[in-house]
Amino acid sequence: MPALKVAVEASQRSGQSFKVITATLDASNLAQVDAAVAKVKTASGRLDILVNNAGYLGAYGLVQGDSDPQEAWKAWSVNVLGAYAVTRAFLPLLLESVDKIIVNIGSLAGLAKTPNLLAHLVRFTWNFQQLLMTECGEKGIVAHFVYPGVIETDMANQVPEVKVGGFGIIDPPKLLAHALVWLVRERQE
């Protein structure tokens, strides 16, 4: 995290001021999520933008066959409970800010042709974005769902279609980074 913080702070433009606060946590661990909220509240007192990007990809397997229930539960805990818990915990700070932006990052797992429970987790992320807009839109919250493209990461390389090049194009990480900066630079409603 220190290298990321240094890189972000180095990108700050002259005349602008922002604070980078880092917290390492398991998004499915409610105590760690609450500790991160307390850290942000103490250091800044507000939160303008929340990006839910935690993810877990367990071993591929079919419900009626070779899937591992513990792996499936861990995927649900991180990908579903994690996005919910982090958003719920940080929502009071977001509601006190001006920007009030939430970005939920999806996954290429939802596009995999392999029948798998994880594809449904991606669909939950999109539905969660819709729920947030319905519940909090009148309070000024803007929630986005972003599919990051096919970015080669250790996790992505576990998806069979990525391993064999079935998706064709591998997107550079910069593409998503620039898209996210554009998306949160000002409210895109």
Protein backbone atom coordinates (compact mmCIF):
# COMPACT_ATOMS: atom_id res chain seq x y z
CA MET A 1 0.00 0.00 0.00
CA PRO A 2 2.81 2.53 0.61
CA ALA A 3 3.81 2.42 -3.09
CA LEU A 4 0.20 3.02 -4.14
CA LYS A 5 -0.15 5.93 -1.72
CA VAL A 6 3.09 7.49 -3.01
CA ALA A 7 1.93 7.09 -6.63
CA VAL A 8 -1.48 8.64 -5.94
CA GLU A 9 -0.01 11.55 -4.00
CA ALA A 10 2.54 12.13 -6.79
CA SER A 11 -0.34 12.51 -9.26
CA GLN A 12 -1.76 15.46 -7.32
CA ARG A 13 -1.90 18.57 -9.43
CA SER A 14 -0.54 21.89 -8.28
CA GLY A 15 -3.18 23.87 -6.40
CA GLN A 16 -5.22 20.78 -5.52
CA SER A 17 -5.31 19.14 -2.18
CA PHE A 18 -6.41 15.66 -1.32
CA LYS A 19 -5.62 13.14 1.35
CA VAL A 20 -4.86 9.48 0.73
CA ILE A 21 -5.87 7.20 3.57
CA THR A 22 -5.08 3.52 3.19
CA ALA A 23 -6.53 0.62 5.11
CA THR A 24 -5.87 -3.06 4.54
CA LEU A 25 -8.88 -5.17 5.44
CA ASP A 26 -10.97 -8.19 4.62
CA ALA A 27 -14.22 -6.71 3.30
CA SER A 28 -16.18 -9.61 4.76
CA ASN A 29 -14.79 -8.99 8.26
CA LEU A 30 -17.23 -6.53 9.86
CA ALA A 31 -14.85 -5.53 12.64
CA GLN A 32 -12.13 -4.66 10.12
CA VAL A 33 -14.64 -2.69 8.04
CA ASP A 34 -15.73 -0.72 11.12
CA ALA A 35 -12.08 -0.05 11.99
CA ALA A 36 -11.50 1.33 8.48
CA VAL A 37 -14.52 3.62 8.83
CA ALA A 38 -13.19 4.89 12.17
CA LYS A 39 -9.76 5.50 10.59
CA VAL A 40 -11.25 7.53 7.73
CA LYS A 41 -13.57 9.43 10.06
CA THR A 42 -10.70 10.33 12.39
CA ALA A 43 -8.30 11.28 9.58
CA SER A 44 -10.73 13.15 7.37
CA GLY A 45 -14.25 13.29 8.77
CA ARG A 46 -15.73 12.64 5.33
CA LEU A 47 -15.64 10.39 2.30
CA ASP A 48 -16.43 11.65 -1.19
CA ILE A 49 -15.98 8.49 -3.27
CA LEU A 50 -16.27 4.83 -2.31
CA VAL A 51 -14.95 2.17 -4.68
CA ASN A 52 -15.95 -1.42 -3.94
CA ASN A 53 -13.23 -3.44 -5.63
CA ALA A 54 -12.61 -6.32 -3.24
CA GLY A 55 -13.01 -9.68 -4.86
CA TYR A 56 -12.42 -13.34 -4.34
CA LEU A 57 -12.39 -16.02 -6.99
CA GLY A 58 -12.61 -19.50 -5.62
CA ALA A 59 -11.98 -22.65 -7.59
CA TYR A 60 -14.39 -23.19 -10.45
CA GLY A 61 -16.89 -25.97 -9.92
CA LEU A 62 -20.50 -26.96 -10.50
CA VAL A 63 -23.10 -26.90 -7.72
CA GLN A 64 -24.07 -30.50 -8.54
CA GLY A 65 -20.53 -31.73 -8.83
CA ASP A 66 -17.07 -30.68 -7.86
CA SER A 67 -17.67 -27.32 -6.20
CA ASP A 68 -16.33 -26.74 -2.71
CA PRO A 69 -18.98 -25.27 -0.36
CA GLN A 70 -16.32 -23.49 1.73
CA GLU A 71 -14.87 -21.82 -1.37
CA ALA A 72 -18.35 -20.83 -2.56
CA TRP A 73 -19.18 -19.37 0.85
CA LYS A 74 -15.91 -17.41 0.96
CA ALA A 75 -16.69 -15.98 -2.50
CA TRP A 76 -20.17 -14.93 -1.33
CA SER A 77 -18.72 -13.47 1.87
CA VAL A 78 -16.16 -11.29 0.12
CA ASN A 79 -18.02 -10.42 -3.09
CA VAL A 80 -21.55 -9.97 -1.74
CA LEU A 81 -21.33 -9.38 2.02
CA GLY A 82 -18.14 -7.37 1.52
CA ALA A 83 -19.70 -4.91 -0.95
CA TYR A 84 -22.80 -4.60 1.24
CA ALA A 85 -20.88 -4.26 4.52
CA VAL A 86 -18.39 -1.69 3.22
CA THR A 87 -21.11 0.39 1.58
CA ARG A 88 -23.40 0.22 4.62
CA ALA A 89 -20.58 1.18 6.99
CA PHE A 90 -19.29 4.10 4.89
CA LEU A 91 -22.72 5.41 3.83
CA PRO A 92 -23.07 7.88 6.74
CA LEU A 93 -19.73 9.50 5.79
CA LEU A 94 -20.71 9.58 2.13
CA LEU A 95 -24.04 11.23 2.91
CA GLU A 96 -22.17 14.06 4.68
CA SER A 97 -20.02 14.79 1.61
CA VAL A 98 -20.73 16.78 -1.52
CA ASP A 99 -19.88 14.17 -4.16
CA LYS A 100 -21.57 11.06 -2.69
CA ILE A 101 -20.25 8.65 -5.36
CA ILE A 102 -20.14 4.86 -5.09
CA VAL A 103 -18.43 2.73 -7.73
CA ASN A 104 -18.96 -1.02 -7.70
CA ILE A 105 -16.38 -2.88 -9.78
CA GLY A 106 -17.64 -5.99 -11.56
CA SER A 107 -15.65 -8.88 -12.90
CA LEU A 108 -14.99 -10.76 -16.07
CA ALA A 109 -16.20 -13.89 -14.22
CA GLY A 110 -19.73 -12.85 -15.17
CA LEU A 111 -18.84 -13.25 -18.82
CA ALA A 112 -17.24 -16.66 -18.51
CA LYS A 113 -19.03 -19.36 -20.47
CA THR A 114 -18.25 -21.89 -17.78
CA PRO A 115 -21.41 -22.39 -15.70
CA ASN A 116 -20.45 -21.16 -12.29
CA LEU A 117 -21.82 -19.65 -9.14
CA LEU A 118 -19.39 -16.74 -9.44
CA ALA A 119 -21.12 -15.37 -12.53
CA HIS A 120 -24.17 -14.75 -10.35
CA LEU A 121 -22.06 -12.79 -7.87
CA VAL A 122 -21.21 -10.35 -10.65
CA ARG A 123 -24.89 -9.93 -11.43
CA PHE A 124 -25.47 -9.19 -7.74
CA THR A 125 -22.99 -6.31 -7.98
CA TRP A 126 -25.01 -4.76 -10.79
CA ASN A 127 -28.28 -5.32 -8.89
CA PHE A 128 -26.71 -3.83 -5.74
CA GLN A 129 -25.94 -0.67 -7.71
CA GLN A 130 -29.60 -0.47 -8.74
CA LEU A 131 -30.73 -1.00 -5.12
CA LEU A 132 -28.45 1.81 -3.90
CA MET A 133 -29.85 4.24 -6.47
CA THR A 134 -33.42 3.32 -5.51
CA GLU A 135 -32.77 3.60 -1.77
CA CYS A 136 -30.35 6.53 -1.64
CA GLY A 137 -30.69 8.40 -4.94
CA GLU A 138 -32.97 11.05 -3.43
CA LYS A 139 -30.29 11.66 -0.77
CA GLY A 140 -27.78 12.50 -3.49
CA ILE A 141 -25.97 9.16 -3.76
CA VAL A 142 -24.86 8.25 -7.26
CA ALA A 143 -23.89 4.60 -7.67
CA HIS A 144 -22.14 3.17 -10.71
CA PHE A 145 -21.38 -0.35 -11.85
CA VAL A 146 -18.16 -0.67 -13.84
CA TYR A 147 -17.04 -3.73 -15.74
CA PRO A 148 -13.24 -3.35 -15.84
CA GLY A 149 -12.63 -5.22 -19.06
CA VAL A 150 -10.22 -8.12 -19.27
CA ILE A 151 -7.21 -7.05 -17.26
CA GLU A 152 -4.52 -9.63 -16.73
CA THR A 153 -4.20 -10.21 -13.00
CA ASP A 154 -3.45 -13.26 -10.89
CA MET A 155 -7.17 -13.60 -10.19
CA ALA A 156 -8.23 -13.12 -13.82
CA ASN A 157 -5.75 -15.77 -14.93
CA GLN A 158 -7.76 -18.31 -12.93
CA VAL A 159 -10.71 -17.87 -15.31
CA PRO A 160 -10.49 -20.58 -17.99
CA GLU A 161 -11.32 -18.24 -20.88
CA VAL A 162 -8.51 -15.85 -19.93
CA LYS A 163 -5.99 -18.70 -19.65
CA VAL A 164 -6.70 -19.84 -23.20
CA GLY A 165 -7.18 -16.35 -24.64
CA GLY A 166 -10.91 -16.90 -25.15
CA PHE A 167 -11.70 -13.24 -24.50
CA GLY A 168 -9.30 -12.08 -27.18
CA ILE A 169 -8.16 -8.63 -26.09
CA ILE A 170 -6.40 -8.07 -22.79
CA ASP A 171 -7.01 -4.49 -21.62
CA PRO A 172 -4.20 -2.42 -20.12
CA PRO A 173 -4.82 -1.45 -16.46
CA LYS A 174 -4.40 2.22 -17.46
CA LEU A 175 -7.60 2.02 -19.50
CA LEU A 176 -9.70 1.26 -16.41
CA ALA A 177 -7.76 3.75 -14.29
CA HIS A 178 -8.45 6.59 -16.73
CA ALA A 179 -12.10 5.59 -17.08
CA LEU A 180 -12.57 5.61 -13.29
CA VAL A 181 -10.90 9.01 -12.95
CA TRP A 182 -13.25 10.39 -15.60
CA LEU A 183 -16.27 8.76 -13.94
CA VAL A 184 -15.60 10.26 -10.48
CA ARG A 185 -14.05 13.57 -11.54
CA GLU A 186 -17.54 15.05 -11.48
CA ARG A 187 -20.95 13.56 -10.87
CA GLN A 188 -22.08 11.48 -13.84
CA GLU A 189 -25.80 11.01 -13.28
